[in-house]
């Protein structure tokens, strides 16, 4: 005859093991797919960015994040990373064969996109519209160049300071030390309707602005950023 106490003990152990296994599974399932991470082994602060070296679980990588306190040995999670190859950091005077620029990091696992590869942003026929076309209705003011005229006569405006106006379709802050503004004014030339502008100004998507800057064509910033036409160092009017 089996010992009742021994049988009960076996059942309790089985139930406990099952609970532990289910708890571990829930913890594992709680970590979203496509979550990128880095366990930091080195942190180099710069004037604008903090450069982090560490392991993503498979490889040793470098990432850059806006200056903030970082704890060596801690694992941080991130999304929407942009890889830049053969990147030269002016603030560190150092070359990185590969580095990922991050919008933000978290101490908790977060759901997001997989790492993006090196990206070419261009107004060439292959990638003419970096921003989605939005509905804009406005009258062109005196002294303001509309975008269709600008796109049609790129060479004419090269190197000139002009004023444009439009609604902000996209805004990215602090990339390569610049703020990146996309505006549209409702005009279009052969499918070109969105002007990229670099500036220190801070604007909001949907805001209507008037802005002045110098036009450059065939501009290559390196790290995959090339533009057929761009307005640089612009200031709000």
Foldseek 3Di string as FASTA:
>chain_A
DDDPVVVVVVVVVVVVVVVVVVVVVVVVPVQAPQKWKFQFADWDDFPFWIWTWGDRPPDIAIEIEGDDDDDHRAMKIAAAWAKFAQDADPRVRDTDRIYTYGHDIHSDRDDYHHYDYQAAAECPPVHNDPFDDDDADDDDDPQEDAPQVCVVPVVVQAFHKGKYKFFWRDWDPQDVHWIWTWGFHRDDHPRHTIAIETENDDDDHGDIFMKIFGKHAQDDPHRNYTYRIHGYHMDTD
